[in-house]
Amino acid sequence: MIDEQTSQQLSALAEVIGSLQKARIDYWLFGGWAVDFYVGSVTRSHDDVDIAVWFADVPQITTLLLTNGWRHAPEEDEDGGTGFERGGVRLELTYLVHGDDGRIYLPLRSGPVEWPGMAALADDVGELHGVQSRLMGFESLLHGKATPRDDREDAAKDRADFAHLSRLRS
């Protein structure tokens, strides 16, 4: 059984994905929700839903979201993406750009930071509680979770996510 917040997030994710697919906009679910989609069950509660998108598509995505009742809710220190909220659900968009060298980058104020590469933009698709989504490539997600972030709570999530993903490899 899933709780109310999880149910709301999954419902919102299904709607956003449907809008993006209808508009033929590429996206990749990543973070904790991507872990859950690979595992096939909800492993923990999530603060938000993380989706990577091409920066060039952001104006069209913003229009789609605002039309569907989302409110632009940027965080004061955000960099390389932005957030939207609706009905207690937070959607985080992370921007991707193509570099002149053929690599993929996050466009940060301090300069571009390389994204895990084309393997991260796999054609992997997962399904969870009837919702289908494109996912960040498994190996890239696993690699990202292998190095916990500095924040203690985030690091604990990363370690748990890594453990769940590692079990899928055996």
C-alpha atoms as a PDB file:
ATOM      1  CA  MET A   1       0.000   0.000   0.000  1.00  0.00           C
ATOM      2  CA  ILE A   2       1.339   3.430  -0.870  1.00  0.00           C
ATOM      3  CA  ASP A   3       0.755   6.568   1.191  1.00  0.00           C
ATOM      4  CA  GLU A   4      -1.103   9.697   0.052  1.00  0.00           C
ATOM      5  CA  GLN A   5       2.033  11.689  -0.836  1.00  0.00           C
ATOM      6  CA  THR A   6       3.436   8.831  -2.917  1.00  0.00           C
ATOM      7  CA  SER A   7       0.100   8.395  -4.675  1.00  0.00           C
ATOM      8  CA  GLN A   8      -0.051  12.123  -5.469  1.00  0.00           C
ATOM      9  CA  GLN A   9       3.512  12.101  -6.797  1.00  0.00           C
ATOM     10  CA  LEU A  10       2.865   9.081  -9.021  1.00  0.00           C
ATOM     11  CA  SER A  11      -0.348  10.598 -10.353  1.00  0.00           C
ATOM     12  CA  ALA A  12       1.394  13.911 -11.075  1.00  0.00           C
ATOM     13  CA  LEU A  13       4.294  12.081 -12.704  1.00  0.00           C
ATOM     14  CA  ALA A  14       1.912  10.152 -14.965  1.00  0.00           C
ATOM     15  CA  GLU A  15       0.217  13.369 -16.039  1.00  0.00           C
ATOM     16  CA  VAL A  16       3.495  15.246 -16.661  1.00  0.00           C
ATOM     17  CA  ILE A  17       4.924  12.309 -18.618  1.00  0.00           C
ATOM     18  CA  GLY A  18       1.757  12.136 -20.702  1.00  0.00           C
ATOM     19  CA  SER A  19       2.034  15.842 -21.536  1.00  0.00           C
ATOM     20  CA  LEU A  20       5.724  15.564 -22.411  1.00  0.00           C
ATOM     21  CA  GLN A  21       5.162  12.511 -24.588  1.00  0.00           C
ATOM     22  CA  LYS A  22       2.224  14.112 -26.379  1.00  0.00           C
ATOM     23  CA  ALA A  23       4.423  17.151 -27.111  1.00  0.00           C
ATOM     24  CA  ARG A  24       7.300  14.837 -28.157  1.00  0.00           C
ATOM     25  CA  ILE A  25       9.607  16.282 -25.525  1.00  0.00           C
ATOM     26  CA  ASP A  26      12.442  14.074 -24.287  1.00  0.00           C
ATOM     27  CA  TYR A  27      12.773  13.533 -20.548  1.00  0.00           C
ATOM     28  CA  TRP A  28      14.505  11.118 -18.163  1.00  0.00           C
ATOM     29  CA  LEU A  29      13.315  10.308 -14.660  1.00  0.00           C
ATOM     30  CA  PHE A  30      16.261  10.100 -12.265  1.00  0.00           C
ATOM     31  CA  GLY A  31      16.958  10.202  -8.539  1.00  0.00           C
ATOM     32  CA  GLY A  32      15.025   8.179  -6.005  1.00  0.00           C
ATOM     33  CA  TRP A  33      11.971   7.708  -8.190  1.00  0.00           C
ATOM     34  CA  ALA A  34      14.107   6.187 -10.951  1.00  0.00           C
ATOM     35  CA  VAL A  35      15.468   3.756  -8.362  1.00  0.00           C
ATOM     36  CA  ASP A  36      11.902   2.770  -7.459  1.00  0.00           C
ATOM     37  CA  PHE A  37      10.964   2.270 -11.110  1.00  0.00           C
ATOM     38  CA  TYR A  38      13.974  -0.022 -11.631  1.00  0.00           C
ATOM     39  CA  VAL A  39      13.284  -1.932  -8.405  1.00  0.00           C
ATOM     40  CA  GLY A  40       9.566  -2.203  -9.178  1.00  0.00           C
ATOM     41  CA  SER A  41       8.363  -0.933  -5.807  1.00  0.00           C
ATOM     42  CA  VAL A  42       8.377   2.210  -3.727  1.00  0.00           C
ATOM     43  CA  THR A  43      11.463   1.938  -1.527  1.00  0.00           C
ATOM     44  CA  ARG A  44      11.012   5.154   0.472  1.00  0.00           C
ATOM     45  CA  SER A  45       9.109   8.430   0.541  1.00  0.00           C
ATOM     46  CA  HIS A  46      10.338  11.153  -1.806  1.00  0.00           C
ATOM     47  CA  ASP A  47      10.517  14.903  -1.336  1.00  0.00           C
ATOM     48  CA  ASP A  48      10.181  15.569  -5.049  1.00  0.00           C
ATOM     49  CA  VAL A  49      10.200  14.109  -8.543  1.00  0.00           C
ATOM     50  CA  ASP A  50      13.405  14.664 -10.565  1.00  0.00           C
ATOM     51  CA  ILE A  51      13.294  14.857 -14.353  1.00  0.00           C
ATOM     52  CA  ALA A  52      16.146  15.763 -16.695  1.00  0.00           C
ATOM     53  CA  VAL A  53      15.159  17.707 -19.822  1.00  0.00           C
ATOM     54  CA  TRP A  54      16.881  19.535 -22.637  1.00  0.00           C
ATOM     55  CA  PHE A  55      17.301  23.206 -21.790  1.00  0.00           C
ATOM     56  CA  ALA A  56      16.028  24.156 -25.246  1.00  0.00           C
ATOM     57  CA  ASP A  57      12.661  22.550 -24.368  1.00  0.00           C
ATOM     58  CA  VAL A  58      12.182  24.483 -21.111  1.00  0.00           C
ATOM     59  CA  PRO A  59       9.936  27.242 -22.553  1.00  0.00           C
ATOM     60  CA  GLN A  60       7.575  24.643 -24.019  1.00  0.00           C
ATOM     61  CA  ILE A  61       7.679  22.546 -20.824  1.00  0.00           C
ATOM     62  CA  THR A  62       6.974  25.634 -18.707  1.00  0.00           C
ATOM     63  CA  THR A  63       3.920  26.440 -20.834  1.00  0.00           C
ATOM     64  CA  LEU A  64       2.665  22.850 -20.521  1.00  0.00           C
ATOM     65  CA  LEU A  65       3.110  22.838 -16.754  1.00  0.00           C
ATOM     66  CA  LEU A  66       1.547  26.255 -16.161  1.00  0.00           C
ATOM     67  CA  THR A  67      -1.406  25.308 -18.393  1.00  0.00           C
ATOM     68  CA  ASN A  68      -1.925  22.200 -16.252  1.00  0.00           C
ATOM     69  CA  GLY A  69      -2.044  24.124 -12.974  1.00  0.00           C
ATOM     70  CA  TRP A  70       1.583  23.892 -11.896  1.00  0.00           C
ATOM     71  CA  ARG A  71       3.173  26.945 -10.296  1.00  0.00           C
ATOM     72  CA  HIS A  72       6.773  27.908 -10.995  1.00  0.00           C
ATOM     73  CA  ALA A  73       8.484  27.580  -7.606  1.00  0.00           C
ATOM     74  CA  PRO A  74      12.191  28.255  -7.984  1.00  0.00           C
ATOM     75  CA  GLU A  75      14.411  27.793  -4.961  1.00  0.00           C
ATOM     76  CA  GLU A  76      16.595  30.722  -3.952  1.00  0.00           C
ATOM     77  CA  ASP A  77      19.855  28.899  -4.645  1.00  0.00           C
ATOM     78  CA  GLU A  78      18.805  26.793  -7.624  1.00  0.00           C
ATOM     79  CA  ASP A  79      21.325  26.334 -10.397  1.00  0.00           C
ATOM     80  CA  GLY A  80      21.031  24.169 -13.507  1.00  0.00           C
ATOM     81  CA  GLY A  81      17.314  23.627 -13.160  1.00  0.00           C
ATOM     82  CA  THR A  82      14.123  24.824 -11.560  1.00  0.00           C
ATOM     83  CA  GLY A  83      11.111  23.610  -9.653  1.00  0.00           C
ATOM     84  CA  PHE A  84       7.358  23.576 -10.059  1.00  0.00           C
ATOM     85  CA  GLU A  85       4.696  22.748  -7.488  1.00  0.00           C
ATOM     86  CA  ARG A  86       1.083  21.686  -7.541  1.00  0.00           C
ATOM     87  CA  GLY A  87      -1.077  20.196  -4.828  1.00  0.00           C
ATOM     88  CA  GLY A  88       1.791  19.367  -2.507  1.00  0.00           C
ATOM     89  CA  VAL A  89       3.936  17.768  -5.248  1.00  0.00           C
ATOM     90  CA  ARG A  90       7.291  19.263  -6.180  1.00  0.00           C
ATOM     91  CA  LEU A  91       8.672  18.617  -9.659  1.00  0.00           C
ATOM     92  CA  GLU A  92      12.354  19.393 -10.186  1.00  0.00           C
ATOM     93  CA  LEU A  93      13.579  19.919 -13.739  1.00  0.00           C
ATOM     94  CA  THR A  94      17.306  19.516 -14.341  1.00  0.00           C
ATOM     95  CA  TYR A  95      18.568  21.139 -17.516  1.00  0.00           C
ATOM     96  CA  LEU A  96      20.783  19.373 -20.045  1.00  0.00           C
ATOM     97  CA  VAL A  97      22.704  20.953 -22.926  1.00  0.00           C
ATOM     98  CA  HIS A  98      24.867  19.564 -25.719  1.00  0.00           C
ATOM     99  CA  GLY A  99      28.483  20.687 -25.602  1.00  0.00           C
ATOM    100  CA  ASP A 100      30.503  21.508 -28.688  1.00  0.00           C
ATOM    101  CA  ASP A 101      32.561  18.418 -27.870  1.00  0.00           C
ATOM    102  CA  GLY A 102      29.525  16.117 -28.228  1.00  0.00           C
ATOM    103  CA  ARG A 103      29.183  15.597 -24.487  1.00  0.00           C
ATOM    104  CA  ILE A 104      26.176  16.456 -22.345  1.00  0.00           C
ATOM    105  CA  TYR A 105      26.391  19.088 -19.635  1.00  0.00           C
ATOM    106  CA  LEU A 106      24.416  20.705 -16.849  1.00  0.00           C
ATOM    107  CA  PRO A 107      24.532  24.470 -17.493  1.00  0.00           C
ATOM    108  CA  LEU A 108      25.585  25.839 -14.105  1.00  0.00           C
ATOM    109  CA  ARG A 109      26.393  29.476 -13.317  1.00  0.00           C
ATOM    110  CA  SER A 110      29.955  28.487 -12.439  1.00  0.00           C
ATOM    111  CA  GLY A 111      30.343  26.720 -15.777  1.00  0.00           C
ATOM    112  CA  PRO A 112      29.105  23.528 -17.393  1.00  0.00           C
ATOM    113  CA  VAL A 113      29.376  20.255 -15.472  1.00  0.00           C
ATOM    114  CA  GLU A 114      29.440  17.021 -17.417  1.00  0.00           C
ATOM    115  CA  TRP A 115      26.370  14.792 -17.149  1.00  0.00           C
ATOM    116  CA  PRO A 116      27.168  11.074 -16.886  1.00  0.00           C
ATOM    117  CA  GLY A 117      27.169  10.754 -20.670  1.00  0.00           C
ATOM    118  CA  MET A 118      24.935   9.360 -23.363  1.00  0.00           C
ATOM    119  CA  ALA A 119      24.489   6.123 -21.396  1.00  0.00           C
ATOM    120  CA  ALA A 120      22.545   8.181 -18.861  1.00  0.00           C
ATOM    121  CA  LEU A 121      20.101   9.102 -21.614  1.00  0.00           C
ATOM    122  CA  ALA A 122      19.186   5.516 -22.286  1.00  0.00           C
ATOM    123  CA  ASP A 123      15.913   4.334 -23.715  1.00  0.00           C
ATOM    124  CA  ASP A 124      15.209   2.444 -20.491  1.00  0.00           C
ATOM    125  CA  VAL A 125      11.557   2.388 -19.514  1.00  0.00           C
ATOM    126  CA  GLY A 126      10.144   1.255 -16.209  1.00  0.00           C
ATOM    127  CA  GLU A 127       6.688   0.765 -14.823  1.00  0.00           C
ATOM    128  CA  LEU A 128       5.521   1.294 -11.287  1.00  0.00           C
ATOM    129  CA  HIS A 129       1.901   1.059 -10.109  1.00  0.00           C
ATOM    130  CA  GLY A 130       0.674   1.432 -13.692  1.00  0.00           C
ATOM    131  CA  VAL A 131       2.839   4.458 -14.518  1.00  0.00           C
ATOM    132  CA  GLN A 132       5.410   4.057 -17.295  1.00  0.00           C
ATOM    133  CA  SER A 133       8.409   6.365 -17.523  1.00  0.00           C
ATOM    134  CA  ARG A 134      11.673   6.783 -19.368  1.00  0.00           C
ATOM    135  CA  LEU A 135      14.518   6.362 -16.926  1.00  0.00           C
ATOM    136  CA  MET A 136      18.063   7.535 -16.567  1.00  0.00           C
ATOM    137  CA  GLY A 137      20.298   4.655 -17.663  1.00  0.00           C
ATOM    138  CA  PHE A 138      20.750   2.012 -14.977  1.00  0.00           C
ATOM    139  CA  GLU A 139      24.561   2.051 -14.868  1.00  0.00           C
ATOM    140  CA  SER A 140      24.674   5.851 -14.715  1.00  0.00           C
ATOM    141  CA  LEU A 141      22.106   5.913 -11.924  1.00  0.00           C
ATOM    142  CA  LEU A 142      23.987   3.211 -10.024  1.00  0.00           C
ATOM    143  CA  HIS A 143      27.279   5.070 -10.464  1.00  0.00           C
ATOM    144  CA  GLY A 144      25.712   8.320  -9.243  1.00  0.00           C
ATOM    145  CA  LYS A 145      24.321   6.641  -6.140  1.00  0.00           C
ATOM    146  CA  ALA A 146      27.693   4.986  -5.395  1.00  0.00           C
ATOM    147  CA  THR A 147      29.118   8.286  -4.164  1.00  0.00           C
ATOM    148  CA  PRO A 148      26.848   9.686  -1.452  1.00  0.00           C
ATOM    149  CA  ARG A 149      26.310  13.444  -1.346  1.00  0.00           C
ATOM    150  CA  ASP A 150      27.713  15.610   1.453  1.00  0.00           C
ATOM    151  CA  ASP A 151      24.399  16.289   3.185  1.00  0.00           C
ATOM    152  CA  ARG A 152      23.804  13.610   5.839  1.00  0.00           C
ATOM    153  CA  GLU A 153      20.162  12.935   4.930  1.00  0.00           C
ATOM    154  CA  ASP A 154      20.919  12.875   1.196  1.00  0.00           C
ATOM    155  CA  ALA A 155      23.875  10.570   1.809  1.00  0.00           C
ATOM    156  CA  ALA A 156      21.635   8.130   3.701  1.00  0.00           C
ATOM    157  CA  LYS A 157      19.168   8.115   0.777  1.00  0.00           C
ATOM    158  CA  ASP A 158      22.024   7.539  -1.696  1.00  0.00           C
ATOM    159  CA  ARG A 159      23.373   4.591   0.311  1.00  0.00           C
ATOM    160  CA  ALA A 160      19.912   2.998   0.520  1.00  0.00           C
ATOM    161  CA  ASP A 161      19.276   3.621  -3.193  1.00  0.00           C
ATOM    162  CA  PHE A 162      22.655   2.124  -4.075  1.00  0.00           C
ATOM    163  CA  ALA A 163      21.879  -0.978  -2.012  1.00  0.00           C
ATOM    164  CA  HIS A 164      18.536  -1.464  -3.803  1.00  0.00           C
ATOM    165  CA  LEU A 165      20.101  -1.022  -7.246  1.00  0.00           C
ATOM    166  CA  SER A 166      23.057  -3.276  -6.407  1.00  0.00           C
ATOM    167  CA  ARG A 167      20.689  -6.147  -5.601  1.00  0.00           C
ATOM    168  CA  LEU A 168      19.361  -5.936  -9.170  1.00  0.00           C
ATOM    169  CA  ARG A 169      22.825  -6.662 -10.560  1.00  0.00           C
ATOM    170  CA  SER A 170      23.219 -10.002  -8.773  1.00  0.00           C
END
